[in-house]
Amino acid sequence: MDVLKPTILQIGNRLYRKNYLKESKSYNPEDEQLYSEGPFTDCLDRDELCDSSLEIVETKRGLSLSLEVPNFFYKFIIGKKGETKRRLETETHTQILIPKMGDTHETVVINGTDRNGVISAKTRIDVLVDSVRQRQPFTHFLSILVCTEHICKRFEDFKAEVLEKFSGDRGFDASLFQNPKRLHLTLGTLVLLSDADIRRATNLLLDCDQEIIKPTLQDKSLIVQICGLEYMNDDPTEVDVLYAKVQKGEACKRLQTIVDYIAEKLCNSGLMKKEYDRVKLHVTVLNTLMRKDPTGIFDAARPGTKLRESFDASGILRTFKDFDFGPLCVDSIHLSQRHTTSKSGYYESASIIELP
């Protein structure tokens, strides 16, 4: 980490600077995540510490605040031999109660006598959880289904023609093609580690329905055109992903407005990983990850594995640059679960937001 450019963590509408902390020989980053005072005192002021929106309850012994935290994070809050938890308690003058193994509820309780100390402990736990969450492989993704009957037929036509003309090109073969039943637009990836996380993401999507989808569409259908090919890098002879584009126009602008708003809201919640300033609307049609995993979501975190072998797409791009896959009526947004398959052949959906 560059100490002059520390990592910025965003939780809600607030930004926290994560300061550099020198690791000791006994420190195991997989077991715990320690924080210096810096990320919190540098970014919190007294007005924030007096946030009245928190449900802090007065008890006979002082104050208490309950947090919904997936049990996956408990080992990080506790830390190696309990060091992280003791440090949090000492520096905030609180007691942190973490459910025991086997408990069905996922509630961490912070007890203390000083309101600022309770809120400081809560903020530290939020930052720790967000930091750990961002390092996990995604479990869900927001998607718009593109596997209509017409587009699937056009995709099969495209596949047949491409294989007929370019099967001899370097690195290219039939294994790279997407499963037509899984054609989709990806809006972003999420790390949801409990039922509470899924409910929270679903509620945020429902908020988006009222805040942006309905006002933008005004009960009118949204129909875009899937047309043209593009690739992810600067060299058409060294391509890893080839994708179909959403044709520019008023419908595309409305869709872009909606998906950018949704992505921003979910990124601010800490549930979605922020990758770009704007959502890149694309439908993957060829992906070199398919060589290893037909789902195209081979685990990139696996060490020591060469994940990709690029292919020469220059001939495909010259011949099929403007290939028309057809119109798409955007009628729903899915919170899709990774590594699953529904009866239709698509991914299982944890929740669905219907559009006009």
Protein backbone atom coordinates (compact mmCIF):
# COMPACT_ATOMS: atom_id res chain seq x y z
CA MET A 1 0.00 0.00 0.00
CA ASP A 2 1.25 3.54 -0.79
CA VAL A 3 1.14 5.33 2.59
CA LEU A 4 0.58 8.64 0.79
CA LYS A 5 -2.45 7.22 -1.04
CA PRO A 6 -4.25 5.00 1.49
CA THR A 7 -7.16 2.79 0.52
CA ILE A 8 -10.55 4.55 0.76
CA LEU A 9 -13.47 2.52 2.09
CA GLN A 10 -17.00 3.73 1.40
CA ILE A 11 -19.75 2.78 3.88
CA GLY A 12 -23.12 4.38 3.29
CA ASN A 13 -22.47 7.97 2.25
CA ARG A 14 -19.24 8.24 4.24
CA LEU A 15 -15.62 7.67 3.22
CA TYR A 16 -13.02 6.22 5.58
CA ARG A 17 -9.28 6.25 5.08
CA LYS A 18 -7.62 2.92 5.92
CA ASN A 19 -4.17 3.72 7.29
CA TYR A 20 -1.08 1.58 6.79
CA LEU A 21 -0.35 -0.83 9.63
CA LYS A 22 2.98 -2.63 9.82
CA GLU A 23 2.54 -6.37 10.13
CA SER A 24 4.44 -8.38 12.75
CA LYS A 25 5.90 -11.80 12.01
CA SER A 26 3.09 -13.48 13.94
CA TYR A 27 0.40 -11.56 12.10
CA ASN A 28 -1.83 -13.66 9.84
CA PRO A 29 -3.93 -11.49 7.48
CA GLU A 30 -6.33 -14.38 6.86
CA ASP A 31 -7.18 -14.62 10.56
CA GLU A 32 -7.73 -10.98 11.39
CA GLN A 33 -7.67 -7.42 10.20
CA LEU A 34 -6.27 -4.85 12.63
CA TYR A 35 -6.97 -1.14 12.35
CA SER A 36 -5.15 1.83 13.73
CA GLU A 37 -7.05 4.75 15.21
CA GLY A 38 -6.45 6.75 12.03
CA PRO A 39 -9.21 5.44 9.74
CA PHE A 40 -11.85 6.55 12.24
CA THR A 41 -10.69 9.71 14.01
CA ASP A 42 -9.57 11.22 10.71
CA CYS A 43 -13.01 10.77 9.15
CA LEU A 44 -15.53 11.13 11.98
CA ASP A 45 -16.51 14.43 13.56
CA ARG A 46 -18.65 15.09 16.61
CA ASP A 47 -21.80 15.66 14.57
CA GLU A 48 -21.45 12.20 13.05
CA LEU A 49 -20.81 10.65 16.45
CA CYS A 50 -24.12 12.08 17.62
CA ASP A 51 -26.05 10.38 14.84
CA SER A 52 -29.57 10.07 16.25
CA SER A 53 -30.67 7.56 13.60
CA LEU A 54 -28.96 4.66 15.39
CA GLU A 55 -31.20 2.52 17.59
CA ILE A 56 -29.15 2.77 20.77
CA VAL A 57 -31.16 1.40 23.68
CA GLU A 58 -30.79 2.56 27.28
CA THR A 59 -30.41 -0.32 29.75
CA LYS A 60 -29.88 -0.57 33.51
CA ARG A 61 -26.14 -0.84 32.90
CA GLY A 62 -25.82 1.84 30.23
CA LEU A 63 -26.32 1.76 26.45
CA SER A 64 -26.71 -1.10 23.97
CA LEU A 65 -26.64 -1.28 20.16
CA SER A 66 -27.46 -4.41 18.12
CA LEU A 67 -25.95 -5.01 14.65
CA GLU A 68 -26.91 -7.61 12.08
CA VAL A 69 -23.58 -9.17 11.06
CA PRO A 70 -23.27 -12.44 9.08
CA ASN A 71 -21.46 -15.08 11.14
CA PHE A 72 -18.82 -15.35 8.40
CA PHE A 73 -17.27 -12.12 9.77
CA TYR A 74 -17.08 -13.16 13.43
CA LYS A 75 -13.58 -14.61 13.17
CA PHE A 76 -12.34 -11.29 11.78
CA ILE A 77 -14.02 -9.25 14.54
CA ILE A 78 -12.55 -11.60 17.15
CA GLY A 79 -9.10 -11.77 15.52
CA LYS A 80 -6.19 -14.01 16.33
CA LYS A 81 -6.54 -15.18 19.95
CA GLY A 82 -9.20 -12.51 20.45
CA GLU A 83 -6.76 -9.62 19.88
CA THR A 84 -8.96 -7.57 17.52
CA LYS A 85 -12.03 -7.77 19.76
CA ARG A 86 -10.03 -6.84 22.88
CA ARG A 87 -8.49 -3.91 21.06
CA LEU A 88 -11.87 -2.64 19.88
CA GLU A 89 -13.30 -2.94 23.39
CA THR A 90 -10.31 -1.23 25.03
CA GLU A 91 -10.13 1.69 22.64
CA THR A 92 -13.88 2.37 22.59
CA HIS A 93 -14.59 1.48 26.26
CA THR A 94 -17.30 -0.97 25.24
CA GLN A 95 -18.15 -4.64 25.55
CA ILE A 96 -18.76 -6.50 22.28
CA LEU A 97 -20.90 -9.64 22.48
CA ILE A 98 -20.57 -12.06 19.56
CA PRO A 99 -22.90 -15.08 19.16
CA LYS A 100 -21.38 -18.48 19.88
CA MET A 101 -20.94 -21.16 17.25
CA GLY A 102 -24.28 -22.78 16.46
CA ASP A 103 -26.42 -19.79 17.44
CA THR A 104 -29.07 -19.15 14.79
CA HIS A 105 -29.27 -15.38 15.27
CA GLU A 106 -26.62 -13.19 13.64
CA THR A 107 -26.59 -10.20 15.97
CA VAL A 108 -23.50 -8.56 17.43
CA VAL A 109 -24.29 -6.46 20.53
CA ILE A 110 -22.23 -3.46 21.64
CA ASN A 111 -22.66 -2.41 25.28
CA GLY A 112 -21.17 0.71 26.82
CA THR A 113 -21.75 3.72 29.04
CA ASP A 114 -20.72 6.41 26.54
CA ARG A 115 -22.74 7.00 23.36
CA ASN A 116 -19.70 8.13 21.36
CA GLY A 117 -17.82 4.99 22.36
CA VAL A 118 -20.69 2.74 21.25
CA ILE A 119 -20.93 4.52 17.90
CA SER A 120 -17.15 4.39 17.45
CA ALA A 121 -17.18 0.61 18.05
CA LYS A 122 -20.04 0.25 15.57
CA THR A 123 -18.15 2.28 12.94
CA ARG A 124 -14.99 0.22 13.40
CA ILE A 125 -16.92 -3.02 12.99
CA ASP A 126 -18.62 -1.62 9.86
CA VAL A 127 -15.27 -0.72 8.31
CA LEU A 128 -13.75 -4.09 9.22
CA VAL A 129 -16.72 -5.99 7.77
CA ASP A 130 -16.69 -3.90 4.59
CA SER A 131 -12.95 -4.41 4.12
CA VAL A 132 -13.24 -8.19 4.52
CA ARG A 133 -16.34 -8.34 2.29
CA GLN A 134 -14.53 -6.60 -0.55
CA ARG A 135 -11.86 -9.33 -0.53
CA GLN A 136 -14.34 -12.19 -0.93
CA PRO A 137 -15.34 -13.75 -4.28
CA PHE A 138 -18.77 -12.58 -5.37
CA THR A 139 -21.78 -14.74 -4.52
CA HIS A 140 -24.51 -12.94 -6.50
CA PHE A 141 -24.80 -10.55 -9.41
CA LEU A 142 -27.43 -8.16 -10.76
CA SER A 143 -28.48 -9.13 -14.25
CA ILE A 144 -30.93 -8.45 -17.04
CA LEU A 145 -31.88 -11.57 -18.99
CA VAL A 146 -31.13 -11.40 -22.71
CA CYS A 147 -32.04 -15.01 -23.52
CA THR A 148 -35.26 -14.34 -25.42
CA GLU A 149 -36.28 -16.84 -28.09
CA HIS A 150 -35.40 -14.47 -30.93
CA ILE A 151 -32.00 -13.42 -29.52
CA CYS A 152 -31.09 -17.03 -28.73
CA LYS A 153 -31.87 -17.98 -32.33
CA ARG A 154 -29.75 -15.12 -33.65
CA PHE A 155 -26.95 -16.11 -31.26
CA GLU A 156 -27.00 -19.69 -32.57
CA ASP A 157 -26.84 -18.32 -36.14
CA PHE A 158 -23.90 -16.14 -35.14
CA LYS A 159 -22.12 -19.08 -33.50
CA ALA A 160 -22.56 -21.34 -36.53
CA GLU A 161 -21.28 -18.72 -38.99
CA VAL A 162 -18.30 -17.79 -36.80
CA LEU A 163 -17.28 -21.43 -36.34
CA GLU A 164 -17.59 -22.08 -40.06
CA LYS A 165 -15.36 -19.15 -41.00
CA PHE A 166 -12.82 -18.86 -38.19
CA SER A 167 -12.32 -22.25 -36.51
CA GLY A 168 -8.66 -22.24 -37.51
CA ASP A 169 -7.80 -18.91 -35.90
CA ARG A 170 -5.35 -18.93 -32.99
CA GLY A 171 -6.90 -19.83 -29.65
CA PHE A 172 -10.46 -19.91 -30.98
CA ASP A 173 -12.80 -22.90 -30.63
CA ALA A 174 -16.42 -23.72 -29.80
CA SER A 175 -15.77 -23.94 -26.04
CA LEU A 176 -15.50 -20.14 -25.80
CA PHE A 177 -19.16 -19.46 -26.61
CA GLN A 178 -21.61 -18.47 -23.90
CA ASN A 179 -24.53 -20.79 -23.18
CA PRO A 180 -27.45 -19.09 -25.00
CA LYS A 181 -29.73 -19.81 -22.02
CA ARG A 182 -27.44 -17.66 -19.90
CA LEU A 183 -27.10 -14.58 -22.09
CA HIS A 184 -27.46 -11.51 -19.88
CA LEU A 185 -26.39 -7.98 -19.11
CA THR A 186 -24.36 -7.82 -15.89
CA LEU A 187 -24.96 -4.70 -13.78
CA GLY A 188 -22.56 -5.59 -10.98
CA THR A 189 -21.37 -8.29 -8.58
CA LEU A 190 -22.27 -8.62 -4.91
CA VAL A 191 -20.98 -10.46 -1.84
CA LEU A 192 -24.05 -11.62 0.09
CA LEU A 193 -23.15 -13.92 2.96
CA SER A 194 -26.44 -14.33 4.82
CA ASP A 195 -30.20 -14.21 4.37
CA ALA A 196 -30.09 -10.77 5.99
CA ASP A 197 -27.67 -9.57 3.27
CA ILE A 198 -30.04 -10.87 0.58
CA ARG A 199 -33.02 -9.13 2.23
CA ARG A 200 -31.05 -5.91 2.45
CA ALA A 201 -30.06 -6.06 -1.22
CA THR A 202 -33.66 -6.84 -2.19
CA ASN A 203 -34.96 -3.89 -0.17
CA LEU A 204 -32.45 -1.59 -1.86
CA LEU A 205 -33.68 -2.80 -5.25
CA LEU A 206 -37.26 -2.11 -4.20
CA ASP A 207 -36.18 1.41 -3.21
CA CYS A 208 -34.65 1.83 -6.67
CA ASP A 209 -37.92 0.74 -8.24
CA GLN A 210 -39.65 3.70 -6.60
CA GLU A 211 -36.79 6.19 -6.84
CA ILE A 212 -35.54 5.69 -10.41
CA ILE A 213 -37.25 2.91 -12.40
CA LYS A 214 -40.85 4.11 -12.17
CA PRO A 215 -40.02 7.83 -12.61
CA THR A 216 -37.78 7.09 -15.61
CA LEU A 217 -40.06 4.66 -17.43
CA GLN A 218 -43.45 6.12 -16.44
CA ASP A 219 -45.20 2.78 -17.10
CA LYS A 220 -43.74 2.55 -20.62
CA SER A 221 -41.88 -0.49 -21.95
CA LEU A 222 -38.12 -0.24 -22.35
CA ILE A 223 -36.93 -1.83 -25.62
CA VAL A 224 -33.26 -1.73 -26.60
CA GLN A 225 -31.39 -3.22 -29.55
CA ILE A 226 -28.54 -5.71 -29.04
CA CYS A 227 -26.29 -5.00 -31.99
CA GLY A 228 -22.58 -4.97 -32.79
CA LEU A 229 -19.47 -6.52 -31.26
CA GLU A 230 -16.73 -5.09 -29.08
CA TYR A 231 -13.80 -6.41 -27.07
CA MET A 232 -12.25 -5.60 -23.70
CA ASN A 233 -8.68 -4.63 -24.62
CA ASP A 234 -6.78 -2.70 -27.30
CA ASP A 235 -5.51 -5.61 -29.42
CA PRO A 236 -8.07 -7.58 -31.47
CA THR A 237 -5.53 -10.40 -31.89
CA GLU A 238 -5.27 -10.90 -28.10
CA VAL A 239 -8.89 -11.00 -26.91
CA ASP A 240 -10.25 -12.61 -23.75
CA VAL A 241 -13.86 -11.41 -23.88
CA LEU A 242 -15.98 -10.59 -26.92
CA TYR A 243 -19.34 -9.04 -26.22
CA ALA A 244 -22.44 -7.69 -27.92
CA LYS A 245 -23.38 -4.06 -27.34
CA VAL A 246 -26.57 -2.22 -26.48
CA GLN A 247 -27.17 0.08 -29.43
CA LYS A 248 -27.00 3.76 -28.55
CA GLY A 249 -30.22 5.77 -28.53
CA GLU A 250 -32.87 7.15 -26.19
CA ALA A 251 -33.81 3.71 -24.87
CA CYS A 252 -30.16 2.96 -24.10
CA LYS A 253 -29.86 6.30 -22.26
CA ARG A 254 -32.85 5.48 -20.07
CA LEU A 255 -31.47 2.04 -19.31
CA GLN A 256 -28.04 3.52 -18.51
CA THR A 257 -29.62 6.03 -16.12
CA ILE A 258 -31.47 3.26 -14.29
CA VAL A 259 -28.57 0.82 -13.96
CA ASP A 260 -26.07 3.51 -12.92
CA TYR A 261 -28.40 4.62 -10.14
CA ILE A 262 -28.91 1.04 -8.94
CA ALA A 263 -25.18 0.30 -9.00
CA GLU A 264 -24.36 3.47 -7.08
CA LYS A 265 -26.93 2.70 -4.41
CA LEU A 266 -25.75 -0.86 -3.91
CA CYS A 267 -22.08 0.17 -3.94
CA ASN A 268 -22.79 2.77 -1.27
CA SER A 269 -24.34 0.03 0.85
CA GLY A 270 -21.09 -1.95 0.72
CA LEU A 271 -22.80 -5.01 -0.79
CA MET A 272 -21.68 -4.44 -4.38
CA LYS A 273 -18.10 -4.19 -5.58
CA LYS A 274 -17.48 -0.91 -7.41
CA GLU A 275 -15.56 -1.59 -10.62
CA TYR A 276 -16.29 1.35 -12.91
CA ASP A 277 -17.76 4.85 -12.66
CA ARG A 278 -20.57 3.72 -14.95
CA VAL A 279 -22.08 0.33 -15.69
CA LYS A 280 -20.77 -1.01 -18.99
CA LEU A 281 -23.79 -2.43 -20.80
CA HIS A 282 -22.60 -5.55 -22.56
CA VAL A 283 -23.65 -9.14 -23.30
CA THR A 284 -20.77 -11.60 -23.20
CA VAL A 285 -20.85 -13.92 -26.23
CA LEU A 286 -17.30 -15.34 -26.12
CA ASN A 287 -15.14 -15.67 -23.02
CA THR A 288 -11.81 -17.48 -22.60
CA LEU A 289 -12.84 -18.41 -19.04
CA MET A 290 -15.22 -20.89 -20.68
CA ARG A 291 -12.21 -23.12 -21.42
CA LYS A 292 -11.89 -23.83 -17.69
CA ASP A 293 -15.51 -23.50 -16.63
CA PRO A 294 -18.54 -23.56 -18.99
CA THR A 295 -20.33 -21.11 -16.65
CA GLY A 296 -17.73 -18.46 -17.45
CA ILE A 297 -17.28 -17.65 -13.76
CA PHE A 298 -14.17 -19.70 -13.02
CA ASP A 299 -12.79 -18.69 -9.60
CA ALA A 300 -10.08 -16.14 -10.31
CA ALA A 301 -8.89 -16.36 -6.71
CA ARG A 302 -7.46 -19.86 -7.15
CA PRO A 303 -3.67 -19.49 -6.81
CA GLY A 304 -1.16 -20.87 -9.29
CA THR A 305 -3.67 -21.32 -12.09
CA LYS A 306 -3.37 -19.80 -15.54
CA LEU A 307 -6.93 -18.70 -16.11
CA ARG A 308 -6.90 -17.33 -19.64
CA GLU A 309 -5.48 -18.06 -23.05
CA SER A 310 -6.43 -15.25 -25.42
CA PHE A 311 -7.67 -15.76 -28.97
CA ASP A 312 -7.39 -13.87 -32.24
CA ALA A 313 -10.73 -12.15 -32.81
CA SER A 314 -9.63 -9.82 -35.59
CA GLY A 315 -11.37 -11.81 -38.34
CA ILE A 316 -14.58 -12.19 -36.31
CA LEU A 317 -14.65 -8.45 -35.61
CA ARG A 318 -14.12 -7.53 -39.27
CA THR A 319 -16.89 -9.82 -40.49
CA PHE A 320 -19.44 -9.53 -37.67
CA LYS A 321 -18.70 -6.06 -36.29
CA ASP A 322 -22.32 -4.93 -36.84
CA PHE A 323 -24.11 -8.25 -36.27
CA ASP A 324 -27.69 -7.63 -35.14
CA PHE A 325 -28.85 -9.96 -32.35
CA GLY A 326 -32.26 -8.32 -32.21
CA PRO A 327 -34.50 -6.25 -29.91
CA LEU A 328 -34.72 -6.80 -26.16
CA CYS A 329 -37.65 -5.75 -24.00
CA VAL A 330 -36.11 -5.10 -20.57
CA ASP A 331 -38.88 -6.42 -18.34
CA SER A 332 -37.03 -7.41 -15.15
CA ILE A 333 -33.83 -7.10 -13.12
CA HIS A 334 -32.62 -10.21 -11.32
CA LEU A 335 -30.55 -10.68 -8.20
CA SER A 336 -28.91 -13.84 -9.54
CA GLN A 337 -27.03 -16.42 -7.48
CA ARG A 338 -23.67 -17.61 -8.70
CA HIS A 339 -23.02 -21.35 -9.23
CA THR A 340 -26.72 -22.20 -9.61
CA THR A 341 -29.00 -23.28 -12.44
CA SER A 342 -32.74 -22.72 -12.65
CA LYS A 343 -35.23 -24.92 -14.50
CA SER A 344 -34.97 -22.59 -17.50
CA GLY A 345 -31.20 -23.04 -17.65
CA TYR A 346 -30.47 -19.56 -16.31
CA TYR A 347 -29.21 -18.82 -12.79
CA GLU A 348 -31.48 -19.03 -9.75
CA SER A 349 -32.84 -15.63 -8.72
CA ALA A 350 -32.86 -14.55 -5.08
CA SER A 351 -35.23 -11.72 -6.03
CA ILE A 352 -36.67 -10.10 -9.16
CA ILE A 353 -37.76 -6.51 -9.83
CA GLU A 354 -40.39 -6.37 -12.56
CA LEU A 355 -40.36 -3.52 -15.08
CA PRO A 356 -43.33 -2.30 -17.17
